[in-house]
């Protein structure tokens, strides 16, 4: 059974994500690969007490990386872009 803490893994804090947050009221999360849009929406609404307008998801493939002569790959993950209703807000870093 999935709980809201198993669905949302962590927020994805990037420069593009901060621009989306300011202009389009969207927040980016890394989520469980088996989670669907309905579960992600319910988890965000319960955890942050906000109203979610839409959820867009995408599967991101891990990049190949090298460390000297050793080759490997970063892990694949699922990313969710959550659009919030007008006036709703989620703050991850205080004072910014």
N, C-alpha and C. Protein backbone atom coordinates (compact mmCIF):
# COMPACT_ATOMS: atom_id res chain seq x y z
N UNK A 1 0.84 -1.19 0.00
CA UNK A 1 0.00 0.00 0.00
C UNK A 1 0.88 1.24 0.00
N UNK A 2 0.54 2.18 -0.88
CA UNK A 2 1.32 3.40 -0.98
C UNK A 2 0.77 4.46 -0.04
N UNK A 3 1.66 5.13 0.66
CA UNK A 3 1.27 6.29 1.46
C UNK A 3 1.74 7.53 0.73
N UNK A 4 1.31 8.70 1.21
CA UNK A 4 1.72 9.94 0.55
C UNK A 4 3.22 10.15 0.65
N UNK A 5 3.84 9.57 1.69
CA UNK A 5 5.28 9.73 1.86
C UNK A 5 6.06 8.81 0.93
N UNK A 6 5.43 7.74 0.44
CA UNK A 6 6.09 6.86 -0.52
C UNK A 6 5.91 7.36 -1.94
N UNK A 7 4.87 8.13 -2.21
CA UNK A 7 4.61 8.63 -3.57
C UNK A 7 5.57 9.75 -3.91
N UNK A 8 5.67 10.76 -3.04
CA UNK A 8 6.57 11.88 -3.27
C UNK A 8 7.93 11.56 -2.67
N UNK A 9 8.98 11.57 -3.50
CA UNK A 9 10.31 11.27 -3.00
C UNK A 9 11.01 12.55 -2.54
N UNK A 10 11.11 13.53 -3.44
CA UNK A 10 11.72 14.81 -3.06
C UNK A 10 11.38 15.86 -4.09
N UNK A 11 11.45 17.15 -3.72
CA UNK A 11 11.26 18.20 -4.72
C UNK A 11 12.50 18.31 -5.60
N UNK A 12 12.29 18.69 -6.82
CA UNK A 12 13.40 18.89 -7.77
C UNK A 12 13.66 20.38 -7.86
N UNK A 13 14.69 20.86 -7.17
CA UNK A 13 15.00 22.28 -7.11
C UNK A 13 16.05 22.63 -8.15
N UNK A 14 15.59 23.21 -9.27
CA UNK A 14 16.48 23.60 -10.36
C UNK A 14 16.15 25.03 -10.76
N UNK A 15 16.99 25.59 -11.61
CA UNK A 15 16.77 26.95 -12.09
C UNK A 15 15.49 27.02 -12.94
N UNK A 16 15.29 26.05 -13.79
CA UNK A 16 14.08 26.01 -14.62
C UNK A 16 12.84 25.84 -13.75
N UNK A 17 12.95 25.02 -12.71
CA UNK A 17 11.83 24.81 -11.81
C UNK A 17 11.45 26.08 -11.05
N UNK A 18 12.44 26.88 -10.68
CA UNK A 18 12.13 28.13 -9.98
C UNK A 18 11.47 29.14 -10.91
N UNK A 19 11.83 29.11 -12.19
CA UNK A 19 11.17 29.99 -13.16
C UNK A 19 9.72 29.55 -13.37
N UNK A 20 9.50 28.23 -13.46
CA UNK A 20 8.13 27.71 -13.59
C UNK A 20 7.29 28.07 -12.37
N UNK A 21 7.92 28.06 -11.21
CA UNK A 21 7.21 28.36 -9.98
C UNK A 21 6.72 29.81 -9.97
N UNK A 22 7.56 30.72 -10.46
CA UNK A 22 7.20 32.13 -10.47
C UNK A 22 6.20 32.46 -11.57
N UNK A 23 6.41 31.94 -12.77
CA UNK A 23 5.58 32.34 -13.91
C UNK A 23 4.29 31.54 -14.05
N UNK A 24 4.34 30.22 -13.83
CA UNK A 24 3.18 29.38 -14.11
C UNK A 24 2.60 28.71 -12.87
N UNK A 25 3.13 29.03 -11.68
CA UNK A 25 2.66 28.43 -10.42
C UNK A 25 2.74 26.90 -10.46
N UNK A 26 3.90 26.40 -10.93
CA UNK A 26 4.13 24.96 -11.04
C UNK A 26 5.29 24.56 -10.14
N UNK A 27 5.20 23.34 -9.57
CA UNK A 27 6.24 22.81 -8.71
C UNK A 27 6.64 21.45 -9.25
N UNK A 28 7.94 21.13 -9.20
CA UNK A 28 8.46 19.88 -9.76
C UNK A 28 8.88 18.94 -8.63
N UNK A 29 8.45 17.68 -8.72
CA UNK A 29 8.78 16.65 -7.73
C UNK A 29 9.36 15.43 -8.44
N UNK A 30 10.25 14.71 -7.75
CA UNK A 30 10.63 13.37 -8.16
C UNK A 30 9.71 12.44 -7.39
N UNK A 31 9.05 11.54 -8.12
CA UNK A 31 8.03 10.68 -7.52
C UNK A 31 8.37 9.21 -7.76
N UNK A 32 7.64 8.34 -7.08
CA UNK A 32 7.78 6.89 -7.26
C UNK A 32 7.44 6.54 -8.70
N UNK A 33 8.22 5.65 -9.30
CA UNK A 33 8.02 5.30 -10.71
C UNK A 33 6.69 4.61 -10.96
N UNK A 34 6.08 4.00 -9.93
CA UNK A 34 4.80 3.30 -10.11
C UNK A 34 3.61 4.20 -9.81
N UNK A 35 3.84 5.44 -9.35
CA UNK A 35 2.73 6.33 -8.97
C UNK A 35 2.05 6.89 -10.21
N UNK A 36 0.72 7.03 -10.12
CA UNK A 36 -0.01 7.64 -11.23
C UNK A 36 -0.39 9.08 -10.85
N UNK A 37 -1.01 9.78 -11.80
CA UNK A 37 -1.31 11.20 -11.60
C UNK A 37 -2.29 11.43 -10.44
N UNK A 38 -3.25 10.56 -10.27
CA UNK A 38 -4.24 10.71 -9.21
C UNK A 38 -3.58 10.58 -7.84
N UNK A 39 -2.70 9.59 -7.69
CA UNK A 39 -1.99 9.42 -6.42
C UNK A 39 -1.08 10.60 -6.12
N UNK A 40 -0.41 11.14 -7.15
CA UNK A 40 0.47 12.29 -6.96
C UNK A 40 -0.35 13.50 -6.53
N UNK A 41 -1.48 13.73 -7.17
CA UNK A 41 -2.34 14.86 -6.83
C UNK A 41 -2.82 14.76 -5.38
N UNK A 42 -3.29 13.59 -4.96
CA UNK A 42 -3.77 13.41 -3.59
C UNK A 42 -2.65 13.61 -2.58
N UNK A 43 -1.45 13.12 -2.90
CA UNK A 43 -0.32 13.25 -1.98
C UNK A 43 0.08 14.71 -1.79
N UNK A 44 0.13 15.48 -2.87
CA UNK A 44 0.51 16.90 -2.77
C UNK A 44 -0.56 17.67 -2.01
N UNK A 45 -1.84 17.40 -2.29
CA UNK A 45 -2.91 18.13 -1.61
C UNK A 45 -2.93 17.83 -0.11
N UNK A 46 -2.70 16.58 0.28
CA UNK A 46 -2.73 16.24 1.71
C UNK A 46 -1.49 16.73 2.44
N UNK A 47 -0.32 16.59 1.81
CA UNK A 47 0.94 16.92 2.48
C UNK A 47 1.13 18.43 2.62
N UNK A 48 0.82 19.20 1.58
CA UNK A 48 1.07 20.65 1.60
C UNK A 48 -0.19 21.48 1.80
N UNK A 49 -1.37 20.83 1.86
CA UNK A 49 -2.65 21.51 2.07
C UNK A 49 -2.88 22.63 1.03
N UNK A 50 -2.76 22.25 -0.24
CA UNK A 50 -3.00 23.15 -1.36
C UNK A 50 -3.96 22.48 -2.33
N UNK A 51 -4.50 23.25 -3.27
CA UNK A 51 -5.38 22.71 -4.32
C UNK A 51 -4.56 22.56 -5.60
N UNK A 52 -4.60 21.36 -6.19
CA UNK A 52 -3.86 21.05 -7.40
C UNK A 52 -4.77 21.16 -8.60
N UNK A 53 -4.31 21.89 -9.62
CA UNK A 53 -5.07 22.06 -10.85
C UNK A 53 -4.79 20.93 -11.84
N UNK A 54 -3.50 20.57 -12.03
CA UNK A 54 -3.13 19.54 -12.99
C UNK A 54 -1.81 18.90 -12.59
N UNK A 55 -1.60 17.68 -13.09
CA UNK A 55 -0.35 16.96 -12.87
C UNK A 55 0.13 16.42 -14.21
N UNK A 56 1.37 16.75 -14.58
CA UNK A 56 2.01 16.19 -15.77
C UNK A 56 3.18 15.35 -15.31
N UNK A 57 3.33 14.15 -15.89
CA UNK A 57 4.42 13.26 -15.48
C UNK A 57 5.28 12.90 -16.68
N UNK A 58 6.54 12.55 -16.39
CA UNK A 58 7.44 12.08 -17.43
C UNK A 58 8.47 11.14 -16.82
N UNK A 59 8.86 10.14 -17.58
CA UNK A 59 9.91 9.22 -17.17
C UNK A 59 11.23 9.73 -17.74
N UNK A 60 12.20 9.94 -16.86
CA UNK A 60 13.50 10.48 -17.26
C UNK A 60 14.52 9.35 -17.26
N UNK A 61 15.22 9.18 -18.36
CA UNK A 61 16.24 8.15 -18.47
C UNK A 61 17.54 8.67 -17.86
N UNK A 62 18.26 7.79 -17.14
CA UNK A 62 19.52 8.16 -16.52
C UNK A 62 20.61 8.34 -17.56
N UNK A 63 21.49 9.31 -17.31
CA UNK A 63 22.58 9.58 -18.24
C UNK A 63 23.73 8.60 -18.03
N UNK A 64 24.42 8.24 -19.12
CA UNK A 64 25.63 7.43 -18.95
C UNK A 64 26.75 8.31 -18.39
N UNK A 65 27.49 7.78 -17.42
CA UNK A 65 28.58 8.53 -16.79
C UNK A 65 29.83 7.66 -16.74
N UNK A 66 31.00 8.31 -16.74
CA UNK A 66 32.27 7.61 -16.63
C UNK A 66 33.07 8.16 -15.48
N UNK A 67 33.77 7.26 -14.79
CA UNK A 67 34.70 7.65 -13.75
C UNK A 67 36.01 6.96 -14.11
N UNK A 68 36.86 7.65 -14.86
CA UNK A 68 38.08 7.02 -15.36
C UNK A 68 37.76 5.99 -16.41
N UNK A 69 38.16 4.76 -16.17
CA UNK A 69 37.88 3.70 -17.15
C UNK A 69 36.59 2.95 -16.86
N UNK A 70 35.92 3.29 -15.78
CA UNK A 70 34.68 2.61 -15.39
C UNK A 70 33.47 3.36 -15.94
N UNK A 71 32.58 2.62 -16.55
CA UNK A 71 31.37 3.22 -17.10
C UNK A 71 30.16 2.79 -16.28
N UNK A 72 29.20 3.68 -16.18
CA UNK A 72 27.98 3.37 -15.46
C UNK A 72 26.86 4.26 -15.93
N UNK A 73 25.74 4.19 -15.25
CA UNK A 73 24.59 5.02 -15.60
C UNK A 73 23.97 5.56 -14.33
N UNK A 74 23.41 6.75 -14.43
CA UNK A 74 22.59 7.26 -13.34
C UNK A 74 21.25 6.55 -13.38
N UNK A 75 20.55 6.56 -12.27
CA UNK A 75 19.27 5.85 -12.19
C UNK A 75 18.19 6.57 -12.99
N UNK A 76 17.26 5.79 -13.56
CA UNK A 76 16.07 6.36 -14.19
C UNK A 76 15.13 6.81 -13.07
N UNK A 77 14.32 7.84 -13.34
CA UNK A 77 13.36 8.31 -12.35
C UNK A 77 12.15 8.91 -13.04
N UNK A 78 11.11 9.14 -12.26
CA UNK A 78 9.88 9.73 -12.76
C UNK A 78 9.75 11.12 -12.17
N UNK A 79 9.41 12.08 -13.01
CA UNK A 79 9.29 13.47 -12.61
C UNK A 79 7.85 13.92 -12.80
N UNK A 80 7.32 14.69 -11.83
CA UNK A 80 5.96 15.19 -11.92
C UNK A 80 5.98 16.71 -11.81
N UNK A 81 5.30 17.37 -12.75
CA UNK A 81 5.14 18.82 -12.70
C UNK A 81 3.71 19.08 -12.25
N UNK A 82 3.57 19.68 -11.07
CA UNK A 82 2.27 19.90 -10.45
C UNK A 82 1.90 21.37 -10.60
N UNK A 83 0.76 21.63 -11.25
CA UNK A 83 0.25 22.98 -11.40
C UNK A 83 -0.74 23.26 -10.28
N UNK A 84 -0.52 24.36 -9.56
CA UNK A 84 -1.37 24.73 -8.43
C UNK A 84 -2.41 25.75 -8.85
N UNK A 85 -3.52 25.79 -8.11
CA UNK A 85 -4.55 26.80 -8.36
C UNK A 85 -4.00 28.19 -8.08
N UNK A 86 -4.64 29.19 -8.64
CA UNK A 86 -4.25 30.59 -8.44
C UNK A 86 -4.31 30.93 -6.96
N UNK A 87 -3.27 31.54 -6.44
CA UNK A 87 -3.23 31.92 -5.04
C UNK A 87 -2.61 30.89 -4.12
N UNK A 88 -2.46 29.62 -4.58
CA UNK A 88 -1.84 28.58 -3.79
C UNK A 88 -0.32 28.68 -3.94
N UNK A 89 0.42 28.21 -2.90
CA UNK A 89 1.86 28.36 -2.92
C UNK A 89 2.50 27.28 -2.06
N UNK A 90 3.64 26.76 -2.50
CA UNK A 90 4.44 25.81 -1.73
C UNK A 90 5.84 26.41 -1.60
N UNK A 91 6.32 26.56 -0.37
CA UNK A 91 7.66 27.09 -0.11
C UNK A 91 8.54 25.99 0.44
N UNK A 92 9.65 25.71 -0.21
CA UNK A 92 10.59 24.70 0.27
C UNK A 92 11.72 25.33 1.08
N UNK A 93 12.17 26.50 0.68
CA UNK A 93 13.27 27.17 1.37
C UNK A 93 12.75 28.46 1.96
N UNK A 94 12.85 28.60 3.27
CA UNK A 94 12.34 29.80 3.94
C UNK A 94 13.29 30.96 3.69
N UNK A 95 12.74 32.16 3.55
CA UNK A 95 13.53 33.37 3.41
C UNK A 95 14.06 33.62 2.02
N UNK A 96 13.59 32.86 1.02
CA UNK A 96 14.07 33.07 -0.35
C UNK A 96 12.97 33.68 -1.16
